[in-house]
Amino acid sequence: MEGWPPEANYLFLGDYQGRGPMQVETVLLLLAFKVKYPENFFLLRGNHECHSLAYIYGFNKSLLEWEGKSKIALAGPNQKDCRLFKKFISVFEQLPVAALIDDKILCMHGGLSQ
């Protein structure tokens, strides 16, 4: 399958964040494609799309940095969830956990944490 939506369909199986320095931008780009092409662009929930793993893998900290928060807000165990983090987690919780292609192929992430 080649091309861009809407000529081609895309299905992503999860773990959109926690994988590198551009995790906020990656999630935003994927969500933008989903909004623009809702019938051709599909996002499933992986195990990183829950509060605990997103926090452990630094999505909260990345969002704080992306917002331009001070070093104090980013410090150690007192780090607070930023409002954007809570909003993203709410979005992640709405993602489906599986997809069926042509009534034949069941697709899902390899593991779900919650």
Protein backbone atom coordinates (compact mmCIF):
# COMPACT_ATOMS: atom_id res chain seq x y z
CA MET A 1 0.00 0.00 0.00
CA GLU A 2 1.44 3.32 -1.04
CA GLY A 3 0.34 6.91 -1.03
CA TRP A 4 -1.26 9.44 1.23
CA PRO A 5 -4.74 9.45 2.65
CA PRO A 6 -7.39 9.44 1.31
CA GLU A 7 -5.92 7.32 -1.52
CA ALA A 8 -4.42 4.90 1.02
CA ASN A 9 -5.52 3.68 4.45
CA TYR A 10 -3.18 3.57 7.44
CA LEU A 11 -3.46 1.63 10.69
CA PHE A 12 -1.06 2.28 13.58
CA LEU A 13 -0.86 -0.23 16.43
CA GLY A 14 0.13 1.96 19.38
CA ASP A 15 3.13 3.15 21.38
CA TYR A 16 3.12 6.62 19.85
CA GLN A 17 5.08 8.22 22.66
CA GLY A 18 8.00 7.27 24.86
CA ARG A 19 10.21 6.42 21.90
CA GLY A 20 12.42 9.43 21.34
CA PRO A 21 13.00 13.15 21.51
CA MET A 22 10.10 14.12 19.21
CA GLN A 23 7.35 12.22 21.03
CA VAL A 24 5.04 15.22 21.50
CA GLU A 25 5.34 16.21 17.85
CA THR A 26 4.79 12.59 16.76
CA VAL A 27 1.56 12.28 18.74
CA LEU A 28 0.32 15.65 17.48
CA LEU A 29 1.05 14.72 13.86
CA LEU A 30 -0.75 11.38 14.15
CA LEU A 31 -3.77 13.02 15.79
CA ALA A 32 -3.83 15.71 13.10
CA PHE A 33 -3.91 13.03 10.39
CA LYS A 34 -6.72 11.25 12.24
CA VAL A 35 -8.75 14.46 12.37
CA LYS A 36 -8.10 15.28 8.70
CA TYR A 37 -8.67 11.72 7.40
CA PRO A 38 -11.01 9.98 9.87
CA GLU A 39 -12.05 7.28 7.36
CA ASN A 40 -8.50 6.48 6.20
CA PHE A 41 -6.27 6.90 9.25
CA PHE A 42 -6.65 4.65 12.28
CA LEU A 43 -4.90 4.68 15.65
CA LEU A 44 -5.05 1.80 18.12
CA ARG A 45 -4.09 1.93 21.77
CA GLY A 46 -0.80 0.38 22.83
CA ASN A 47 0.53 -0.26 26.30
CA HIS A 48 2.29 3.13 26.38
CA GLU A 49 -1.05 4.92 26.01
CA CYS A 50 -1.91 4.75 29.70
CA HIS A 51 -1.08 7.10 32.56
CA SER A 52 1.55 4.98 34.30
CA LEU A 53 3.66 4.01 31.26
CA ALA A 54 3.32 7.40 29.60
CA TYR A 55 4.59 8.96 32.82
CA ILE A 56 7.43 6.44 33.30
CA TYR A 57 8.64 6.89 29.72
CA GLY A 58 8.68 10.67 30.08
CA PHE A 59 5.69 11.90 28.10
CA ASN A 60 4.66 14.19 30.97
CA LYS A 61 8.16 15.67 31.17
CA SER A 62 8.29 16.09 27.39
CA LEU A 63 4.99 17.98 27.47
CA LEU A 64 6.26 20.23 30.27
CA GLU A 65 9.39 20.98 28.25
CA TRP A 66 7.30 21.51 25.11
CA GLU A 67 5.17 24.02 27.07
CA GLY A 68 8.37 25.80 28.15
CA LYS A 69 8.02 25.11 31.89
CA SER A 70 10.85 26.01 34.25
CA LYS A 71 13.44 23.55 35.54
CA ILE A 72 11.68 23.60 38.94
CA ALA A 73 8.49 22.18 37.40
CA LEU A 74 10.58 19.40 35.84
CA ALA A 75 12.47 18.45 39.01
CA GLY A 76 12.42 14.96 40.46
CA PRO A 77 9.61 13.12 42.20
CA ASN A 78 7.63 16.30 42.86
CA GLN A 79 7.00 16.65 39.15
CA LYS A 80 3.29 17.36 38.68
CA ASP A 81 1.20 16.15 35.79
CA CYS A 82 0.71 19.03 33.43
CA ARG A 83 -2.82 19.73 32.18
CA LEU A 84 -1.87 18.70 28.66
CA PHE A 85 -0.69 15.31 29.93
CA LYS A 86 -4.09 14.65 31.50
CA LYS A 87 -5.81 15.68 28.25
CA PHE A 88 -3.61 13.39 26.17
CA ILE A 89 -4.26 10.48 28.54
CA SER A 90 -8.01 11.13 28.14
CA VAL A 91 -7.58 10.95 24.37
CA PHE A 92 -5.46 7.78 24.61
CA GLU A 93 -8.14 6.13 26.76
CA GLN A 94 -10.64 6.62 23.91
CA LEU A 95 -8.51 4.79 21.34
CA PRO A 96 -9.74 1.34 20.34
CA VAL A 97 -7.61 -1.66 21.32
CA ALA A 98 -8.19 -3.71 18.16
CA ALA A 99 -9.17 -3.42 14.51
CA LEU A 100 -10.49 -5.91 11.98
CA ILE A 101 -9.40 -5.60 8.35
CA ASP A 102 -11.72 -7.08 5.67
CA ASP A 103 -13.41 -9.27 8.32
CA LYS A 104 -10.25 -11.45 8.23
CA ILE A 105 -7.27 -9.84 9.91
CA LEU A 106 -7.37 -9.01 13.60
CA CYS A 107 -4.89 -6.24 14.50
CA MET A 108 -3.85 -5.13 17.97
CA HIS A 109 -0.83 -4.06 19.93
CA GLY A 110 1.30 -6.81 21.47
CA GLY A 111 0.35 -5.91 25.04
CA LEU A 112 -1.96 -3.69 27.03
CA SER A 113 -1.09 -2.51 30.49
CA GLN A 114 -4.52 -1.51 31.80
